[in-house]
């Protein structure tokens, strides 16, 4: 497995459309999972305090955490302003589960 550097992440994000940058930036810089990204609302984002509030996570340890967003802040601010500075609503329109056929797990083998 290869982990990308901050420079790699910045290059990948720069190649995306602004709305597509948000979910990837949340994953790269804040370590959020797909379900955490899809449930993140604007009231969970504190742009002035440089924090997110992850209210619900896959694990108990990840629930109710507040990761820092310094590297992520410019992307979130641009998205917030581009959407009319909403007080609430989803930060990113990311489905919780990938469409059929796009799941990266290999198919299960039938038991013999």
C-alpha atoms as a PDB file:
ATOM      1  CA  UNK A   1       0.000   0.000   0.000  1.00  0.00           C
ATOM      2  CA  UNK A   2       1.255   3.481  -0.857  1.00  0.00           C
ATOM      3  CA  UNK A   3       0.462   6.498   1.280  1.00  0.00           C
ATOM      4  CA  UNK A   4       0.549   9.818  -0.513  1.00  0.00           C
ATOM      5  CA  UNK A   5       2.545  12.766   0.751  1.00  0.00           C
ATOM      6  CA  UNK A   6       1.017  16.184   1.408  1.00  0.00           C
ATOM      7  CA  UNK A   7       2.441  17.301  -1.942  1.00  0.00           C
ATOM      8  CA  UNK A   8       0.850  14.301  -3.717  1.00  0.00           C
ATOM      9  CA  UNK A   9      -2.495  15.076  -2.070  1.00  0.00           C
ATOM     10  CA  UNK A  10      -2.291  18.724  -3.127  1.00  0.00           C
ATOM     11  CA  UNK A  11      -1.564  17.716  -6.745  1.00  0.00           C
ATOM     12  CA  UNK A  12      -4.446  15.234  -6.775  1.00  0.00           C
ATOM     13  CA  UNK A  13      -6.846  17.809  -5.345  1.00  0.00           C
ATOM     14  CA  UNK A  14      -5.707  20.490  -7.815  1.00  0.00           C
ATOM     15  CA  UNK A  15      -6.673  18.189 -10.700  1.00  0.00           C
ATOM     16  CA  UNK A  16     -10.286  17.941  -9.461  1.00  0.00           C
ATOM     17  CA  UNK A  17     -13.263  20.247  -9.916  1.00  0.00           C
ATOM     18  CA  UNK A  18     -13.887  22.375  -6.773  1.00  0.00           C
ATOM     19  CA  UNK A  19     -16.960  20.390  -5.626  1.00  0.00           C
ATOM     20  CA  UNK A  20     -15.063  17.130  -6.093  1.00  0.00           C
ATOM     21  CA  UNK A  21     -12.138  18.397  -4.011  1.00  0.00           C
ATOM     22  CA  UNK A  22     -14.155  18.524  -0.770  1.00  0.00           C
ATOM     23  CA  UNK A  23     -14.669  14.792  -0.064  1.00  0.00           C
ATOM     24  CA  UNK A  24     -11.107  13.900  -1.037  1.00  0.00           C
ATOM     25  CA  UNK A  25      -9.680  16.749   1.047  1.00  0.00           C
ATOM     26  CA  UNK A  26     -11.751  15.591   4.029  1.00  0.00           C
ATOM     27  CA  UNK A  27     -10.313  12.097   3.620  1.00  0.00           C
ATOM     28  CA  UNK A  28      -6.711  13.231   2.991  1.00  0.00           C
ATOM     29  CA  UNK A  29      -6.384  15.979   5.588  1.00  0.00           C
ATOM     30  CA  UNK A  30      -8.897  15.056   8.312  1.00  0.00           C
ATOM     31  CA  UNK A  31      -8.858  11.266   7.922  1.00  0.00           C
ATOM     32  CA  UNK A  32     -12.628  11.016   7.544  1.00  0.00           C
ATOM     33  CA  UNK A  33     -14.232   7.844   6.200  1.00  0.00           C
ATOM     34  CA  UNK A  34     -16.909   7.794   3.477  1.00  0.00           C
ATOM     35  CA  UNK A  35     -19.845   7.612   5.949  1.00  0.00           C
ATOM     36  CA  UNK A  36     -18.335  10.394   8.086  1.00  0.00           C
ATOM     37  CA  UNK A  37     -17.951  12.596   5.005  1.00  0.00           C
ATOM     38  CA  UNK A  38     -21.509  11.940   3.832  1.00  0.00           C
ATOM     39  CA  UNK A  39     -22.971  12.762   7.258  1.00  0.00           C
ATOM     40  CA  UNK A  40     -20.885  15.917   7.817  1.00  0.00           C
ATOM     41  CA  UNK A  41     -23.057  19.057   7.857  1.00  0.00           C
ATOM     42  CA  UNK A  42     -22.045  22.706   7.701  1.00  0.00           C
ATOM     43  CA  UNK A  43     -22.990  23.202  11.366  1.00  0.00           C
ATOM     44  CA  UNK A  44     -20.213  20.663  12.120  1.00  0.00           C
ATOM     45  CA  UNK A  45     -17.578  22.882  10.466  1.00  0.00           C
ATOM     46  CA  UNK A  46     -15.888  25.624  12.480  1.00  0.00           C
ATOM     47  CA  UNK A  47     -13.863  27.525   9.881  1.00  0.00           C
ATOM     48  CA  UNK A  48     -12.774  30.192  12.377  1.00  0.00           C
ATOM     49  CA  UNK A  49     -11.810  27.622  15.015  1.00  0.00           C
ATOM     50  CA  UNK A  50     -10.085  25.354  12.451  1.00  0.00           C
ATOM     51  CA  UNK A  51     -12.062  22.266  13.578  1.00  0.00           C
ATOM     52  CA  UNK A  52     -14.640  19.755  12.368  1.00  0.00           C
ATOM     53  CA  UNK A  53     -17.064  17.962  14.654  1.00  0.00           C
ATOM     54  CA  UNK A  54     -17.449  14.303  13.673  1.00  0.00           C
ATOM     55  CA  UNK A  55     -20.631  13.389  15.517  1.00  0.00           C
ATOM     56  CA  UNK A  56     -20.939   9.757  14.482  1.00  0.00           C
ATOM     57  CA  UNK A  57     -18.269   7.317  13.351  1.00  0.00           C
ATOM     58  CA  UNK A  58     -17.794   3.657  12.550  1.00  0.00           C
ATOM     59  CA  UNK A  59     -16.128   3.176  15.920  1.00  0.00           C
ATOM     60  CA  UNK A  60     -16.846   4.533  19.379  1.00  0.00           C
ATOM     61  CA  UNK A  61     -13.364   6.022  19.530  1.00  0.00           C
ATOM     62  CA  UNK A  62     -13.971   8.042  16.344  1.00  0.00           C
ATOM     63  CA  UNK A  63     -17.370   9.328  17.450  1.00  0.00           C
ATOM     64  CA  UNK A  64     -17.602  12.892  18.756  1.00  0.00           C
ATOM     65  CA  UNK A  65     -14.068  13.808  17.732  1.00  0.00           C
ATOM     66  CA  UNK A  66     -12.863  17.184  16.470  1.00  0.00           C
ATOM     67  CA  UNK A  67     -10.011  16.858  13.956  1.00  0.00           C
ATOM     68  CA  UNK A  68      -8.063  20.007  13.021  1.00  0.00           C
ATOM     69  CA  UNK A  69      -8.585  21.422   9.534  1.00  0.00           C
ATOM     70  CA  UNK A  70      -5.736  23.871   8.925  1.00  0.00           C
ATOM     71  CA  UNK A  71      -4.702  22.335   5.568  1.00  0.00           C
ATOM     72  CA  UNK A  72      -8.337  21.695   4.643  1.00  0.00           C
ATOM     73  CA  UNK A  73      -9.684  25.135   5.556  1.00  0.00           C
ATOM     74  CA  UNK A  74      -9.152  26.912   2.186  1.00  0.00           C
ATOM     75  CA  UNK A  75     -11.018  24.158   0.322  1.00  0.00           C
ATOM     76  CA  UNK A  76     -13.875  24.103   2.850  1.00  0.00           C
ATOM     77  CA  UNK A  77     -14.132  27.905   2.869  1.00  0.00           C
ATOM     78  CA  UNK A  78     -14.301  28.017  -0.947  1.00  0.00           C
ATOM     79  CA  UNK A  79     -17.019  25.326  -0.952  1.00  0.00           C
ATOM     80  CA  UNK A  80     -18.966  27.114   1.793  1.00  0.00           C
ATOM     81  CA  UNK A  81     -18.828  30.420  -0.039  1.00  0.00           C
ATOM     82  CA  UNK A  82     -19.608  28.738  -3.381  1.00  0.00           C
ATOM     83  CA  UNK A  83     -22.773  27.253  -1.887  1.00  0.00           C
ATOM     84  CA  UNK A  84     -23.973  30.600  -0.524  1.00  0.00           C
ATOM     85  CA  UNK A  85     -22.533  30.323   3.007  1.00  0.00           C
ATOM     86  CA  UNK A  86     -25.136  27.830   4.290  1.00  0.00           C
ATOM     87  CA  UNK A  87     -25.704  27.463   8.033  1.00  0.00           C
ATOM     88  CA  UNK A  88     -26.571  23.795   7.624  1.00  0.00           C
ATOM     89  CA  UNK A  89     -26.956  21.039   5.061  1.00  0.00           C
ATOM     90  CA  UNK A  90     -24.439  18.521   3.726  1.00  0.00           C
ATOM     91  CA  UNK A  91     -20.847  19.624   3.225  1.00  0.00           C
ATOM     92  CA  UNK A  92     -20.355  17.141   0.399  1.00  0.00           C
ATOM     93  CA  UNK A  93     -22.713  15.036  -1.671  1.00  0.00           C
ATOM     94  CA  UNK A  94     -20.948  11.699  -1.274  1.00  0.00           C
ATOM     95  CA  UNK A  95     -22.936   8.474  -1.273  1.00  0.00           C
ATOM     96  CA  UNK A  96     -22.312   6.314   1.792  1.00  0.00           C
ATOM     97  CA  UNK A  97     -21.761   3.231  -0.373  1.00  0.00           C
ATOM     98  CA  UNK A  98     -20.306   3.096  -3.888  1.00  0.00           C
ATOM     99  CA  UNK A  99     -22.540   2.178  -6.796  1.00  0.00           C
ATOM    100  CA  UNK A 100     -22.769  -1.519  -7.649  1.00  0.00           C
ATOM    101  CA  UNK A 101     -19.651  -2.627  -9.481  1.00  0.00           C
ATOM    102  CA  UNK A 102     -17.547   0.203  -8.087  1.00  0.00           C
ATOM    103  CA  UNK A 103     -16.823  -1.433  -4.765  1.00  0.00           C
ATOM    104  CA  UNK A 104     -13.103  -2.222  -4.679  1.00  0.00           C
ATOM    105  CA  UNK A 105     -13.457  -5.431  -2.685  1.00  0.00           C
ATOM    106  CA  UNK A 106     -12.977  -8.617  -4.723  1.00  0.00           C
ATOM    107  CA  UNK A 107     -16.097 -10.738  -5.247  1.00  0.00           C
ATOM    108  CA  UNK A 108     -16.717 -13.469  -2.686  1.00  0.00           C
ATOM    109  CA  UNK A 109     -15.990 -17.019  -3.683  1.00  0.00           C
ATOM    110  CA  UNK A 110     -18.709 -19.593  -3.277  1.00  0.00           C
ATOM    111  CA  UNK A 111     -18.147 -22.146  -0.520  1.00  0.00           C
ATOM    112  CA  UNK A 112     -17.380 -25.633  -1.775  1.00  0.00           C
END
